[in-house]
Amino acid sequence: MKFDDDNYYEKGKYQSTMAAVIVFSIIAVVIIVLIANADKIKRNANKTVASTPVDTSDTVVSASFDDYVTPSSLHPSDLDFYDLYPVDDVSSGEETEDDSDKEKEKETDPATDGKHTLVTYYDGTQEWVSISKYITTNVYDYTNLYDQDGIMEYTRNGRVISSFGVDISKEQEYVDFNKLKNAGCDFVMIRVGQRGYTSGLITEDEYFADNIRRAKSAGLDLGVYFWSQAVTEEEAEEEAQFVLDKIKGYNLIYPVAFVMEYSEDGTSRVESLTRNEKTMVARAFLKKIDEAGYKTVIYGDKAWLIKYLELNKVVSDFDVWLSEQEDMPTYPYEFTMWQYNRRGRIDGIKGDVNFNISMVDYSLR
């Protein structure tokens, strides 16, 4: 075997280098451990000093490295530096949503923010509409609203303060008002007449005269309504005068109602009116009735009242008769009467009839 001096030299050099690296590594580990356990060493030192009797002489008290670092003072966990850094909690695998974000979402959701109401249009489409701060909202507590076999009652302090009624026209044909009253009906709203959807002619309801006479005889409280198709304020006043002529001599406890609706086939005269024009027509009718000394109310469903009229120009002077077929109204503003069922059945009337509740006592208004 040949001895290679160069290889031997290189091997020796390599071994020396590795030895140096190992030594420095050991020193580095010791330094790191000392730094990491500085507080513990300091505490041990204090304990040692505190437990050692103090000599009042000039004796120098010294301690060796072994006095501070003993086998019992170091543990494997002391070398774990990872706990010096914060660790994210990912155990659930889901992000936690901030409560403030939930509150912001609630505030911006029109269904829960308390600032919007849902309107359903005649074609079935829906829209969240802002609730006006300039129109008085109703303060009814619907937990006090009870359905007694189809007849709605509203109570206050355990006492019924509402009245139940129906609205009728020639569609109901002959009505037995005595049976109607005995069945629990308090008032009737009777149609006086209407203006033709396309012809524009004013006609009296065929059953009006007989209905109002016999309803009064049965002891029911009376109110009336007119189906308008006026396209000008002058036509609205003409309709109002027609009504006044027909109700002369009758003591009406309930209001005279203005009713304006679109026809189902979309051919009504009022289709072309703007929102402002419909509002002015309604005001002209109701103002003339009011000036004659009768109570007044405007009829409409939620969409008609909120989107097809300038409601703030009407409710400031006249009551609202709401038509909304729900378990409880979602209409946010004040109303005095509520038509809640268009398919009501009651003794004295053949077939369906509209059920209404009056939330106020009109005999006191």
Protein backbone atom coordinates (compact mmCIF):
# COMPACT_ATOMS: atom_id res chain seq x y z
CA MET A 1 0.00 0.00 0.00
CA LYS A 2 1.33 3.42 -0.97
CA PHE A 3 1.24 6.16 1.67
CA ASP A 4 -0.11 9.42 0.18
CA ASP A 5 1.30 12.40 2.10
CA ASP A 6 -1.02 14.88 0.45
CA ASN A 7 -4.10 12.85 1.31
CA TYR A 8 -2.92 12.52 4.85
CA TYR A 9 -2.37 16.26 5.09
CA GLU A 10 -5.78 17.04 3.70
CA LYS A 11 -7.42 14.52 6.00
CA GLY A 12 -5.76 16.05 9.04
CA LYS A 13 -6.79 19.50 7.96
CA TYR A 14 -10.38 18.37 7.54
CA GLN A 15 -10.47 16.70 10.95
CA SER A 16 -9.08 19.82 12.62
CA THR A 17 -11.71 21.96 10.98
CA MET A 18 -14.56 19.69 12.06
CA ALA A 19 -13.25 19.66 15.62
CA ALA A 20 -13.25 23.45 15.67
CA VAL A 21 -16.82 23.58 14.32
CA ILE A 22 -18.01 21.15 16.99
CA VAL A 23 -16.34 23.15 19.77
CA PHE A 24 -17.83 26.42 18.58
CA SER A 25 -21.24 24.77 18.23
CA ILE A 26 -21.12 23.57 21.82
CA ILE A 27 -20.10 27.03 23.03
CA ALA A 28 -22.89 28.62 21.02
CA VAL A 29 -25.49 26.27 22.49
CA VAL A 30 -24.28 27.00 26.01
CA ILE A 31 -24.46 30.76 25.40
CA ILE A 32 -27.95 30.47 23.98
CA VAL A 33 -29.08 28.38 26.94
CA LEU A 34 -27.59 30.89 29.36
CA ILE A 35 -29.37 33.78 27.63
CA ALA A 36 -32.69 31.92 27.54
CA ASN A 37 -32.39 31.07 31.24
CA ALA A 38 -30.96 34.36 32.41
CA ASP A 39 -33.98 35.08 34.62
CA LYS A 40 -33.87 31.59 36.11
CA ILE A 41 -30.14 31.86 36.78
CA LYS A 42 -30.67 35.24 38.37
CA ARG A 43 -33.41 33.82 40.61
CA ASN A 44 -31.19 30.89 41.60
CA ALA A 45 -28.39 33.30 42.33
CA ASN A 46 -30.64 35.41 44.52
CA LYS A 47 -31.82 32.32 46.38
CA THR A 48 -28.22 31.23 46.89
CA VAL A 49 -27.18 34.62 48.12
CA ALA A 50 -30.24 34.95 50.31
CA SER A 51 -29.69 31.53 51.91
CA THR A 52 -25.96 32.11 52.54
CA PRO A 53 -25.09 33.73 55.89
CA VAL A 54 -23.60 37.17 55.32
CA ASP A 55 -20.15 37.63 56.75
CA THR A 56 -19.51 41.15 57.96
CA SER A 57 -15.85 40.72 57.26
CA ASP A 58 -14.17 41.55 53.96
CA THR A 59 -14.54 38.00 52.77
CA VAL A 60 -15.35 37.84 49.03
CA VAL A 61 -18.24 35.60 48.26
CA SER A 62 -17.85 33.83 44.93
CA ALA A 63 -19.86 31.21 43.10
CA SER A 64 -18.86 28.80 40.41
CA PHE A 65 -20.80 28.08 37.20
CA ASP A 66 -21.96 24.79 38.74
CA ASP A 67 -23.60 26.72 41.55
CA TYR A 68 -25.99 28.38 39.06
CA VAL A 69 -26.44 25.81 36.40
CA THR A 70 -27.24 22.43 37.83
CA PRO A 71 -28.69 19.33 36.14
CA SER A 72 -32.05 20.07 37.79
CA SER A 73 -32.27 23.64 36.45
CA LEU A 74 -32.28 22.79 32.75
CA HIS A 75 -35.03 20.97 30.89
CA PRO A 76 -35.60 20.08 27.24
CA SER A 77 -38.36 22.67 27.07
CA ASP A 78 -35.79 25.37 27.85
CA LEU A 79 -34.33 24.82 24.38
CA ASP A 80 -37.69 25.32 22.65
CA PHE A 81 -37.62 28.87 21.25
CA TYR A 82 -40.74 28.52 19.09
CA ASP A 83 -43.05 29.57 21.92
CA LEU A 84 -41.53 33.05 21.74
CA TYR A 85 -43.68 33.75 18.68
CA PRO A 86 -47.54 34.01 18.51
CA VAL A 87 -49.34 31.05 16.97
CA ASP A 88 -52.65 31.44 15.08
CA ASP A 89 -55.50 29.28 16.29
CA VAL A 90 -56.46 27.18 13.28
CA SER A 91 -57.98 24.29 15.16
CA SER A 92 -61.49 25.05 13.91
CA GLY A 93 -60.46 25.55 10.32
CA GLU A 94 -62.90 28.49 10.07
CA GLU A 95 -62.45 32.25 10.24
CA THR A 96 -64.22 34.02 13.09
CA GLU A 97 -66.47 36.83 11.84
CA ASP A 98 -66.08 40.05 13.75
CA ASP A 99 -69.18 41.15 15.65
CA SER A 100 -68.87 44.64 14.22
CA ASP A 101 -69.08 43.18 10.70
CA LYS A 102 -72.31 41.39 11.68
CA GLU A 103 -73.75 44.64 13.00
CA LYS A 104 -72.80 46.49 9.82
CA GLU A 105 -74.38 43.74 7.71
CA LYS A 106 -77.55 43.96 9.79
CA GLU A 107 -77.65 47.73 9.35
CA THR A 108 -77.29 47.48 5.58
CA ASP A 109 -79.79 44.63 5.12
CA PRO A 110 -83.15 46.24 4.20
CA ALA A 111 -84.99 43.25 5.65
CA THR A 112 -83.61 43.89 9.15
CA ASP A 113 -82.47 47.51 9.31
CA GLY A 114 -85.91 48.82 10.28
CA LYS A 115 -85.65 51.53 7.65
CA HIS A 116 -87.28 49.74 4.70
CA THR A 117 -90.56 48.02 3.88
CA LEU A 118 -91.19 45.42 1.17
CA VAL A 119 -93.62 46.45 -1.57
CA THR A 120 -95.13 43.91 -3.95
CA TYR A 121 -96.28 45.31 -7.28
CA TYR A 122 -99.25 44.16 -9.34
CA ASP A 123 -97.03 42.10 -11.64
CA GLY A 124 -95.60 40.20 -8.66
CA THR A 125 -92.22 41.95 -8.56
CA GLN A 126 -90.97 43.24 -5.22
CA GLU A 127 -88.88 46.13 -3.99
CA TRP A 128 -87.53 47.29 -0.63
CA VAL A 129 -88.64 50.89 -0.20
CA SER A 130 -87.29 53.38 2.34
CA ILE A 131 -89.70 54.29 5.14
CA SER A 132 -90.21 58.04 5.07
CA LYS A 133 -89.30 59.91 8.23
CA TYR A 134 -91.77 62.62 7.23
CA ILE A 135 -94.85 60.37 7.47
CA THR A 136 -96.15 59.24 10.86
CA THR A 137 -95.73 55.51 11.42
CA ASN A 138 -98.39 53.47 13.18
CA VAL A 139 -97.88 52.35 16.78
CA TYR A 140 -100.21 49.36 16.84
CA ASP A 141 -99.11 46.44 18.99
CA TYR A 142 -100.01 43.41 16.88
CA THR A 143 -99.67 41.07 19.84
CA ASN A 144 -103.06 42.56 20.80
CA LEU A 145 -104.61 41.51 17.48
CA TYR A 146 -106.79 38.39 17.67
CA ASP A 147 -108.63 36.33 15.06
CA GLN A 148 -111.96 35.17 16.44
CA ASP A 149 -113.25 32.70 13.83
CA GLY A 150 -112.29 35.04 11.01
CA ILE A 151 -113.32 38.25 12.76
CA MET A 152 -110.31 40.35 13.76
CA GLU A 153 -110.31 42.12 17.11
CA TYR A 154 -107.80 44.60 18.50
CA THR A 155 -107.57 45.03 22.26
CA ARG A 156 -106.05 47.52 24.64
CA ASN A 157 -105.62 46.72 28.31
CA GLY A 158 -107.67 43.58 27.76
CA ARG A 159 -110.63 45.45 26.24
CA VAL A 160 -111.73 45.22 22.59
CA ILE A 161 -111.49 48.68 21.07
CA SER A 162 -111.95 47.76 17.39
CA SER A 163 -115.05 47.27 15.22
CA PHE A 164 -115.75 44.65 12.56
CA GLY A 165 -117.32 45.47 9.22
CA VAL A 166 -117.79 44.49 5.58
CA ASP A 167 -117.81 46.47 2.33
CA ILE A 168 -120.54 45.59 -0.14
CA SER A 169 -121.79 46.44 -3.62
CA LYS A 170 -124.06 44.89 -6.22
CA GLU A 171 -121.56 42.02 -6.34
CA GLN A 172 -123.05 40.67 -3.09
CA GLU A 173 -126.59 41.07 -4.47
CA TYR A 174 -129.25 40.85 -1.73
CA VAL A 175 -127.86 41.13 1.83
CA ASP A 176 -129.80 40.21 4.96
CA PHE A 177 -128.52 42.97 7.22
CA ASN A 178 -130.30 41.66 10.32
CA LYS A 179 -128.48 38.32 10.03
CA LEU A 180 -125.28 40.21 9.28
CA LYS A 181 -125.59 42.23 12.47
CA ASN A 182 -126.43 39.14 14.54
CA ALA A 183 -123.30 37.46 13.14
CA GLY A 184 -121.15 40.13 14.77
CA CYS A 185 -120.93 42.83 12.10
CA ASP A 186 -120.74 46.40 13.46
CA PHE A 187 -120.57 48.50 10.30
CA VAL A 188 -120.91 48.34 6.52
CA MET A 189 -119.14 50.33 3.82
CA ILE A 190 -121.60 50.58 0.91
CA ARG A 191 -120.59 51.45 -2.64
CA VAL A 192 -122.43 54.54 -3.90
CA GLY A 193 -121.30 54.26 -7.49
CA GLN A 194 -118.39 54.41 -9.90
CA ARG A 195 -117.01 56.14 -12.95
CA GLY A 196 -116.48 53.90 -15.96
CA TYR A 197 -112.93 52.65 -16.48
CA THR A 198 -113.06 53.54 -20.18
CA SER A 199 -116.33 55.45 -20.74
CA GLY A 200 -115.81 57.93 -17.94
CA LEU A 201 -119.53 57.95 -17.15
CA ILE A 202 -120.66 58.17 -13.52
CA THR A 203 -123.28 55.60 -12.52
CA GLU A 204 -124.97 54.67 -9.26
CA ASP A 205 -124.52 51.17 -7.84
CA GLU A 206 -127.73 49.26 -8.59
CA TYR A 207 -128.12 48.11 -4.97
CA PHE A 208 -126.99 51.31 -3.21
CA ALA A 209 -130.35 52.85 -2.33
CA ASP A 210 -131.79 49.58 -1.03
CA ASN A 211 -128.59 48.64 0.80
CA ILE A 212 -128.20 51.89 2.71
CA ARG A 213 -131.87 51.99 3.70
CA ARG A 214 -132.01 48.41 5.00
CA ALA A 215 -128.57 48.56 6.66
CA LYS A 216 -129.69 51.62 8.61
CA SER A 217 -132.92 49.87 9.57
CA ALA A 218 -130.92 46.91 10.93
CA GLY A 219 -128.99 49.25 13.24
CA LEU A 220 -125.62 48.95 11.51
CA ASP A 221 -123.22 51.89 11.41
CA LEU A 222 -122.86 53.27 7.88
CA GLY A 223 -120.02 54.37 5.64
CA VAL A 224 -119.80 54.64 1.84
CA TYR A 225 -117.21 54.52 -0.93
CA PHE A 226 -116.88 55.58 -4.57
CA TRP A 227 -114.76 54.03 -7.32
CA SER A 228 -113.06 56.91 -9.05
CA GLN A 229 -111.61 57.12 -12.51
CA ALA A 230 -111.23 60.88 -12.51
CA VAL A 231 -108.31 62.19 -14.54
CA THR A 232 -108.64 65.83 -13.47
CA GLU A 233 -109.39 67.64 -10.23
CA GLU A 234 -112.62 68.92 -11.81
CA GLU A 235 -113.78 65.37 -12.49
CA ALA A 236 -112.89 64.40 -8.90
CA GLU A 237 -115.04 67.22 -7.56
CA GLU A 238 -117.85 66.09 -9.85
CA GLU A 239 -117.63 62.59 -8.35
CA ALA A 240 -117.63 64.01 -4.82
CA GLN A 241 -120.77 66.04 -5.54
CA PHE A 242 -122.48 62.93 -6.91
CA VAL A 243 -121.76 61.13 -3.63
CA LEU A 244 -122.96 64.06 -1.51
CA ASP A 245 -126.25 64.10 -3.35
CA LYS A 246 -126.79 60.37 -2.76
CA ILE A 247 -126.00 60.33 0.97
CA LYS A 248 -127.97 63.43 1.88
CA GLY A 249 -130.18 62.76 4.87
CA TYR A 250 -128.18 59.77 6.16
CA ASN A 251 -126.17 59.96 9.35
CA LEU A 252 -122.85 58.38 8.44
CA ILE A 253 -120.74 57.26 11.40
CA TYR A 254 -118.02 55.85 9.15
CA PRO A 255 -116.17 57.79 6.46
CA VAL A 256 -116.75 58.50 2.80
CA ALA A 257 -113.96 56.62 1.04
CA PHE A 258 -112.12 57.49 -2.17
CA VAL A 259 -111.13 54.38 -4.14
CA MET A 260 -108.95 54.49 -7.26
CA GLU A 261 -107.52 51.36 -8.85
CA TYR A 262 -106.11 50.17 -12.14
CA SER A 263 -108.20 47.73 -14.16
CA GLU A 264 -106.91 44.19 -14.54
CA ASP A 265 -106.63 44.54 -18.33
CA GLY A 266 -104.71 47.81 -18.05
CA THR A 267 -107.29 49.92 -19.89
CA SER A 268 -108.39 52.23 -17.07
CA ARG A 269 -108.50 55.97 -17.63
CA VAL A 270 -106.07 56.65 -14.78
CA GLU A 271 -103.26 54.51 -16.21
CA SER A 272 -101.70 57.56 -17.84
CA LEU A 273 -101.77 59.76 -14.73
CA THR A 274 -98.53 60.65 -12.99
CA ARG A 275 -98.05 60.09 -9.30
CA ASN A 276 -98.65 63.77 -8.61
CA GLU A 277 -101.77 63.89 -10.77
CA LYS A 278 -103.35 60.94 -8.97
CA THR A 279 -102.52 62.61 -5.66
CA MET A 280 -104.16 65.88 -6.70
CA VAL A 281 -107.27 64.06 -7.95
CA ALA A 282 -107.61 62.21 -4.62
CA ARG A 283 -107.15 65.40 -2.63
CA ALA A 284 -109.79 67.25 -4.71
CA PHE A 285 -112.39 64.53 -4.02
CA LEU A 286 -111.65 64.18 -0.31
CA LYS A 287 -111.43 67.92 0.29
CA LYS A 288 -114.91 68.51 -1.12
CA ILE A 289 -116.36 65.72 1.04
CA ASP A 290 -114.55 67.03 4.10
CA GLU A 291 -115.84 70.56 3.55
CA ALA A 292 -119.39 69.14 3.53
CA GLY A 293 -118.85 67.88 7.09
CA TYR A 294 -118.26 64.16 6.48
CA LYS A 295 -115.37 62.04 7.65
CA THR A 296 -112.98 61.03 4.87
CA VAL A 297 -110.62 58.15 4.13
CA ILE A 298 -108.48 57.10 1.16
CA TYR A 299 -108.46 53.41 0.23
CA GLY A 300 -105.56 51.51 -1.25
CA ASP A 301 -103.18 48.60 -0.97
CA LYS A 302 -99.61 49.00 0.17
CA ALA A 303 -98.15 49.45 -3.32
CA TRP A 304 -100.79 51.97 -4.38
CA LEU A 305 -100.42 54.10 -1.28
CA ILE A 306 -96.64 54.10 -1.13
CA LYS A 307 -95.57 54.03 -4.79
CA TYR A 308 -98.49 55.42 -6.81
CA LEU A 309 -99.39 58.38 -4.59
CA GLU A 310 -97.45 61.18 -2.95
CA LEU A 311 -98.61 59.85 0.38
CA ASN A 312 -97.29 62.71 2.49
CA LYS A 313 -99.68 65.06 0.65
CA VAL A 314 -102.68 62.90 1.55
CA VAL A 315 -102.23 61.46 5.04
CA SER A 316 -101.60 64.87 6.56
CA ASP A 317 -105.31 65.64 6.11
CA PHE A 318 -107.16 62.35 5.54
CA ASP A 319 -107.36 58.86 7.06
CA VAL A 320 -106.15 55.66 5.36
CA TRP A 321 -108.17 52.52 4.68
CA LEU A 322 -105.52 49.87 4.06
CA SER A 323 -106.09 46.80 1.90
CA GLU A 324 -103.53 44.13 2.78
CA GLN A 325 -104.40 40.44 2.94
CA GLU A 326 -101.90 39.31 5.55
CA ASP A 327 -102.05 37.91 9.07
CA MET A 328 -100.96 41.34 10.20
CA PRO A 329 -100.24 44.54 8.28
CA THR A 330 -96.72 45.30 7.05
CA TYR A 331 -97.72 48.81 5.98
CA PRO A 332 -95.57 51.02 8.22
CA TYR A 333 -97.65 54.18 8.37
CA GLU A 334 -100.79 55.21 10.22
CA PHE A 335 -104.12 53.76 9.12
CA THR A 336 -107.56 53.66 10.73
CA MET A 337 -109.23 50.82 8.79
CA TRP A 338 -107.79 47.56 7.45
CA GLN A 339 -109.34 45.30 4.81
CA TYR A 340 -107.66 42.01 5.70
CA ASN A 341 -109.70 39.34 3.88
CA ARG A 342 -111.31 39.43 0.44
CA ARG A 343 -112.84 35.98 0.72
CA GLY A 344 -114.71 36.28 3.98
CA ARG A 345 -117.83 34.24 4.68
CA ILE A 346 -120.54 35.41 7.07
CA ASP A 347 -124.22 34.80 7.72
CA GLY A 348 -126.49 37.17 5.79
CA ILE A 349 -124.33 37.30 2.65
CA LYS A 350 -124.15 34.67 -0.07
CA GLY A 351 -120.65 34.10 -1.35
CA ASP A 352 -117.46 35.99 -0.59
CA VAL A 353 -117.28 39.44 0.97
CA ASN A 354 -114.47 41.71 2.12
CA PHE A 355 -113.76 41.71 5.87
CA ASN A 356 -112.57 44.91 7.57
CA ILE A 357 -111.48 46.03 11.00
CA SER A 358 -111.70 49.61 12.18
CA MET A 359 -108.87 50.35 14.61
CA VAL A 360 -110.59 53.49 15.89
CA ASP A 361 -114.04 54.34 17.17
CA TYR A 362 -115.43 56.57 14.41
CA SER A 363 -118.41 57.50 16.55
CA LEU A 364 -115.97 59.55 18.62
CA ARG A 365 -114.19 61.22 15.72
